[in-house]
Amino acid sequence: MQTIWKKPVTIALEGPDQWVVIQTTQAATWALVEDWPTEEGPALDRACAVCADVMSGKRNREEARQAFIEAAIEAGIPIKE
């Protein structure tokens, strides 16, 4: 299930001033699992769970977007609005 977000999230995931645009729950999940700078944390765990729920149709895409932002804040990843 493709879950494109209404508003993408732009984060400096790969380093300072190296911005990546995340615009789907699938891309967020990939980033959380493969590219995240931390391996644990409550917001990270919640974001992974919420993204899985969205992809299985149990939650809405905005919940995944918000959980992803909270995980980025927890990890200290810069976010561009």
C-alpha atoms as a PDB file:
ATOM      1  CA  MET A   1       0.000   0.000   0.000  1.00  0.00           C
ATOM      2  CA  GLN A   2       1.577   3.285  -1.140  1.00  0.00           C
ATOM      3  CA  THR A   3       1.044   5.926   1.515  1.00  0.00           C
ATOM      4  CA  ILE A   4       2.243   9.265   0.166  1.00  0.00           C
ATOM      5  CA  TRP A   5       2.260  12.013   2.780  1.00  0.00           C
ATOM      6  CA  LYS A   6       0.424  15.290   2.183  1.00  0.00           C
ATOM      7  CA  LYS A   7       3.574  17.181   3.189  1.00  0.00           C
ATOM      8  CA  PRO A   8       7.070  15.659   2.819  1.00  0.00           C
ATOM      9  CA  VAL A   9       9.655  15.800   5.599  1.00  0.00           C
ATOM     10  CA  THR A  10      13.134  17.051   4.690  1.00  0.00           C
ATOM     11  CA  ILE A  11      15.883  15.904   7.051  1.00  0.00           C
ATOM     12  CA  ALA A  12      19.692  15.976   7.130  1.00  0.00           C
ATOM     13  CA  LEU A  13      19.957  12.216   7.482  1.00  0.00           C
ATOM     14  CA  GLU A  14      23.320  11.630   5.868  1.00  0.00           C
ATOM     15  CA  GLY A  15      25.128  14.571   7.476  1.00  0.00           C
ATOM     16  CA  PRO A  16      24.985  18.345   7.823  1.00  0.00           C
ATOM     17  CA  ASP A  17      23.498  20.042   4.779  1.00  0.00           C
ATOM     18  CA  GLN A  18      22.885  16.687   3.062  1.00  0.00           C
ATOM     19  CA  TRP A  19      19.112  16.883   2.874  1.00  0.00           C
ATOM     20  CA  VAL A  20      16.874  13.946   2.098  1.00  0.00           C
ATOM     21  CA  VAL A  21      13.172  14.305   1.299  1.00  0.00           C
ATOM     22  CA  ILE A  22      10.943  11.649   2.827  1.00  0.00           C
ATOM     23  CA  GLN A  23       7.456  11.651   1.354  1.00  0.00           C
ATOM     24  CA  THR A  24       6.067   8.160   1.927  1.00  0.00           C
ATOM     25  CA  THR A  25       5.628   5.819   4.855  1.00  0.00           C
ATOM     26  CA  GLN A  26       7.700   3.245   2.989  1.00  0.00           C
ATOM     27  CA  ALA A  27      10.625   5.677   2.623  1.00  0.00           C
ATOM     28  CA  ALA A  28      10.341   6.599   6.297  1.00  0.00           C
ATOM     29  CA  THR A  29      10.431   2.947   7.304  1.00  0.00           C
ATOM     30  CA  TRP A  30      13.494   2.336   5.159  1.00  0.00           C
ATOM     31  CA  ALA A  31      15.261   5.355   6.687  1.00  0.00           C
ATOM     32  CA  LEU A  32      14.371   4.277  10.231  1.00  0.00           C
ATOM     33  CA  VAL A  33      15.650   0.745   9.686  1.00  0.00           C
ATOM     34  CA  GLU A  34      18.648   1.264   7.412  1.00  0.00           C
ATOM     35  CA  ASP A  35      19.953   4.820   7.791  1.00  0.00           C
ATOM     36  CA  TRP A  36      19.034   5.985  11.287  1.00  0.00           C
ATOM     37  CA  PRO A  37      21.961   7.228  13.419  1.00  0.00           C
ATOM     38  CA  THR A  38      20.599   5.599  16.598  1.00  0.00           C
ATOM     39  CA  GLU A  39      19.526   2.020  17.152  1.00  0.00           C
ATOM     40  CA  GLU A  40      17.073   2.504  19.985  1.00  0.00           C
ATOM     41  CA  GLY A  41      14.820   5.011  21.636  1.00  0.00           C
ATOM     42  CA  PRO A  42      11.145   5.307  22.507  1.00  0.00           C
ATOM     43  CA  ALA A  43      10.306   7.614  19.593  1.00  0.00           C
ATOM     44  CA  LEU A  44      12.216   5.401  17.151  1.00  0.00           C
ATOM     45  CA  ASP A  45      10.388   2.305  18.372  1.00  0.00           C
ATOM     46  CA  ARG A  46       7.043   4.093  18.150  1.00  0.00           C
ATOM     47  CA  ALA A  47       7.777   5.388  14.634  1.00  0.00           C
ATOM     48  CA  CYS A  48       8.631   1.892  13.403  1.00  0.00           C
ATOM     49  CA  ALA A  49       5.429   0.503  14.921  1.00  0.00           C
ATOM     50  CA  VAL A  50       3.241   3.314  13.564  1.00  0.00           C
ATOM     51  CA  CYS A  51       4.728   2.981  10.060  1.00  0.00           C
ATOM     52  CA  ALA A  52       4.011  -0.751  10.104  1.00  0.00           C
ATOM     53  CA  ASP A  53       0.433  -0.040  11.194  1.00  0.00           C
ATOM     54  CA  VAL A  54      -0.031   2.505   8.410  1.00  0.00           C
ATOM     55  CA  MET A  55       1.241   0.085   5.780  1.00  0.00           C
ATOM     56  CA  SER A  56      -1.190  -2.555   7.012  1.00  0.00           C
ATOM     57  CA  GLY A  57      -4.080  -0.064   6.977  1.00  0.00           C
ATOM     58  CA  LYS A  58      -4.537   0.228  10.755  1.00  0.00           C
ATOM     59  CA  ARG A  59      -3.549   3.912  11.057  1.00  0.00           C
ATOM     60  CA  ASN A  60      -3.493   6.977   8.831  1.00  0.00           C
ATOM     61  CA  ARG A  61      -0.450   8.345   7.029  1.00  0.00           C
ATOM     62  CA  GLU A  62      -0.327  11.556   9.076  1.00  0.00           C
ATOM     63  CA  GLU A  63       0.335   9.480  12.194  1.00  0.00           C
ATOM     64  CA  ALA A  64       3.376   7.947  10.475  1.00  0.00           C
ATOM     65  CA  ARG A  65       4.633  11.361   9.402  1.00  0.00           C
ATOM     66  CA  GLN A  66       4.302  12.771  12.932  1.00  0.00           C
ATOM     67  CA  ALA A  67       5.942   9.723  14.525  1.00  0.00           C
ATOM     68  CA  PHE A  68       8.801  10.004  12.005  1.00  0.00           C
ATOM     69  CA  ILE A  69       9.338  13.671  12.919  1.00  0.00           C
ATOM     70  CA  GLU A  70       9.365  12.800  16.626  1.00  0.00           C
ATOM     71  CA  ALA A  71      11.968  10.086  15.990  1.00  0.00           C
ATOM     72  CA  ALA A  72      14.124  12.558  14.053  1.00  0.00           C
ATOM     73  CA  ILE A  73      13.931  15.034  16.928  1.00  0.00           C
ATOM     74  CA  GLU A  74      14.852  12.297  19.408  1.00  0.00           C
ATOM     75  CA  ALA A  75      17.886  11.336  17.272  1.00  0.00           C
ATOM     76  CA  GLY A  76      18.994  14.968  16.887  1.00  0.00           C
ATOM     77  CA  ILE A  77      18.499  14.939  13.121  1.00  0.00           C
ATOM     78  CA  PRO A  78      17.971  18.435  11.652  1.00  0.00           C
ATOM     79  CA  ILE A  79      14.587  18.955  10.016  1.00  0.00           C
ATOM     80  CA  LYS A  80      13.912  21.592   7.351  1.00  0.00           C
ATOM     81  CA  GLU A  81      10.379  22.979   7.216  1.00  0.00           C
END
